[in-house]
C-alpha atoms as a PDB file:
ATOM      1  CA  UNK A   1       0.000   0.000   0.000  1.00  0.00           C
ATOM      2  CA  UNK A   2       1.508   3.355  -1.007  1.00  0.00           C
ATOM      3  CA  UNK A   3       1.153   6.343   1.257  1.00  0.00           C
ATOM      4  CA  UNK A   4       0.495   9.640  -0.448  1.00  0.00           C
ATOM      5  CA  UNK A   5       1.906  12.810   1.001  1.00  0.00           C
ATOM      6  CA  UNK A   6       0.055  16.089   0.681  1.00  0.00           C
ATOM      7  CA  UNK A   7       1.655  18.684  -1.622  1.00  0.00           C
ATOM      8  CA  UNK A   8       2.383  21.206   1.156  1.00  0.00           C
ATOM      9  CA  UNK A   9       4.178  18.584   3.253  1.00  0.00           C
ATOM     10  CA  UNK A  10       6.124  17.442   0.194  1.00  0.00           C
ATOM     11  CA  UNK A  11       7.214  21.019  -0.533  1.00  0.00           C
ATOM     12  CA  UNK A  12       8.308  21.497   3.092  1.00  0.00           C
ATOM     13  CA  UNK A  13      10.282  18.246   2.974  1.00  0.00           C
ATOM     14  CA  UNK A  14      11.997  19.282  -0.271  1.00  0.00           C
ATOM     15  CA  UNK A  15      12.898  22.723   1.100  1.00  0.00           C
ATOM     16  CA  UNK A  16      14.142  21.157   4.329  1.00  0.00           C
ATOM     17  CA  UNK A  17      16.290  18.686   2.403  1.00  0.00           C
ATOM     18  CA  UNK A  18      17.782  21.467   0.288  1.00  0.00           C
ATOM     19  CA  UNK A  19      18.476  23.582   3.382  1.00  0.00           C
ATOM     20  CA  UNK A  20      20.312  20.635   4.942  1.00  0.00           C
ATOM     21  CA  UNK A  21      22.405  20.260   1.802  1.00  0.00           C
ATOM     22  CA  UNK A  22      23.270  23.959   1.763  1.00  0.00           C
ATOM     23  CA  UNK A  23      23.645  24.737   5.473  1.00  0.00           C
ATOM     24  CA  UNK A  24      23.950  21.415   7.266  1.00  0.00           C
ATOM     25  CA  UNK A  25      21.332  19.650   9.357  1.00  0.00           C
ATOM     26  CA  UNK A  26      21.846  21.684  12.558  1.00  0.00           C
ATOM     27  CA  UNK A  27      21.294  25.041  10.878  1.00  0.00           C
ATOM     28  CA  UNK A  28      18.423  23.690   8.772  1.00  0.00           C
ATOM     29  CA  UNK A  29      16.716  22.406  11.923  1.00  0.00           C
ATOM     30  CA  UNK A  30      17.101  25.832  13.558  1.00  0.00           C
ATOM     31  CA  UNK A  31      15.548  27.431  10.460  1.00  0.00           C
ATOM     32  CA  UNK A  32      12.696  24.919  10.167  1.00  0.00           C
ATOM     33  CA  UNK A  33      10.015  27.413  11.295  1.00  0.00           C
ATOM     34  CA  UNK A  34      11.143  29.856   8.609  1.00  0.00           C
ATOM     35  CA  UNK A  35      11.304  27.063   6.038  1.00  0.00           C
ATOM     36  CA  UNK A  36       7.746  25.984   6.931  1.00  0.00           C
ATOM     37  CA  UNK A  37       6.528  29.571   6.602  1.00  0.00           C
ATOM     38  CA  UNK A  38       8.231  29.885   3.209  1.00  0.00           C
ATOM     39  CA  UNK A  39       6.656  26.588   2.104  1.00  0.00           C
ATOM     40  CA  UNK A  40       3.216  27.872   3.154  1.00  0.00           C
ATOM     41  CA  UNK A  41       3.679  31.070   1.124  1.00  0.00           C
ATOM     42  CA  UNK A  42       4.978  29.206  -1.931  1.00  0.00           C
ATOM     43  CA  UNK A  43       2.054  26.784  -1.726  1.00  0.00           C
ATOM     44  CA  UNK A  44      -0.471  29.637  -1.518  1.00  0.00           C
ATOM     45  CA  UNK A  45       1.056  31.477  -4.480  1.00  0.00           C
ATOM     46  CA  UNK A  46       1.270  28.318  -6.583  1.00  0.00           C
ATOM     47  CA  UNK A  47      -2.394  27.520  -5.936  1.00  0.00           C
ATOM     48  CA  UNK A  48      -3.856  31.014  -6.221  1.00  0.00           C
ATOM     49  CA  UNK A  49      -6.602  31.519  -8.776  1.00  0.00           C
ATOM     50  CA  UNK A  50      -5.652  34.713 -10.558  1.00  0.00           C
ATOM     51  CA  UNK A  51      -6.977  36.048 -13.816  1.00  0.00           C
ATOM     52  CA  UNK A  52      -4.023  36.042 -16.224  1.00  0.00           C
ATOM     53  CA  UNK A  53      -4.698  39.684 -17.143  1.00  0.00           C
ATOM     54  CA  UNK A  54      -4.523  40.741 -13.481  1.00  0.00           C
ATOM     55  CA  UNK A  55      -1.075  41.962 -12.386  1.00  0.00           C
ATOM     56  CA  UNK A  56       0.198  40.624  -9.062  1.00  0.00           C
ATOM     57  CA  UNK A  57      -0.316  43.063  -6.201  1.00  0.00           C
ATOM     58  CA  UNK A  58       3.189  42.570  -4.843  1.00  0.00           C
ATOM     59  CA  UNK A  59       4.967  43.433  -8.091  1.00  0.00           C
ATOM     60  CA  UNK A  60       6.008  47.066  -8.533  1.00  0.00           C
ATOM     61  CA  UNK A  61       4.942  48.756 -11.748  1.00  0.00           C
ATOM     62  CA  UNK A  62       7.384  48.314 -14.586  1.00  0.00           C
ATOM     63  CA  UNK A  63       9.345  51.393 -15.534  1.00  0.00           C
ATOM     64  CA  UNK A  64      10.797  52.159 -18.899  1.00  0.00           C
ATOM     65  CA  UNK A  65      14.564  52.157 -18.322  1.00  0.00           C
ATOM     66  CA  UNK A  66      15.193  53.715 -21.737  1.00  0.00           C
ATOM     67  CA  UNK A  67      12.708  56.584 -21.970  1.00  0.00           C
ATOM     68  CA  UNK A  68      12.460  58.261 -25.353  1.00  0.00           C
ATOM     69  CA  UNK A  69      13.533  61.887 -25.238  1.00  0.00           C
END
């Protein structure tokens, strides 16, 4: 019998594993609350229902870096 893992838990596990690879298990364990919070935010953004014509609220307006004189 295979056990399925929910997507949020899977994301947290993947981020935790990557943190351990980058920082070591002790530091990753100390950062686990922050990693869980990041996983929650990533999960929410990935599953948000947004109209494709609607700009994200957190993105600043684009500026023309080469304005025509």
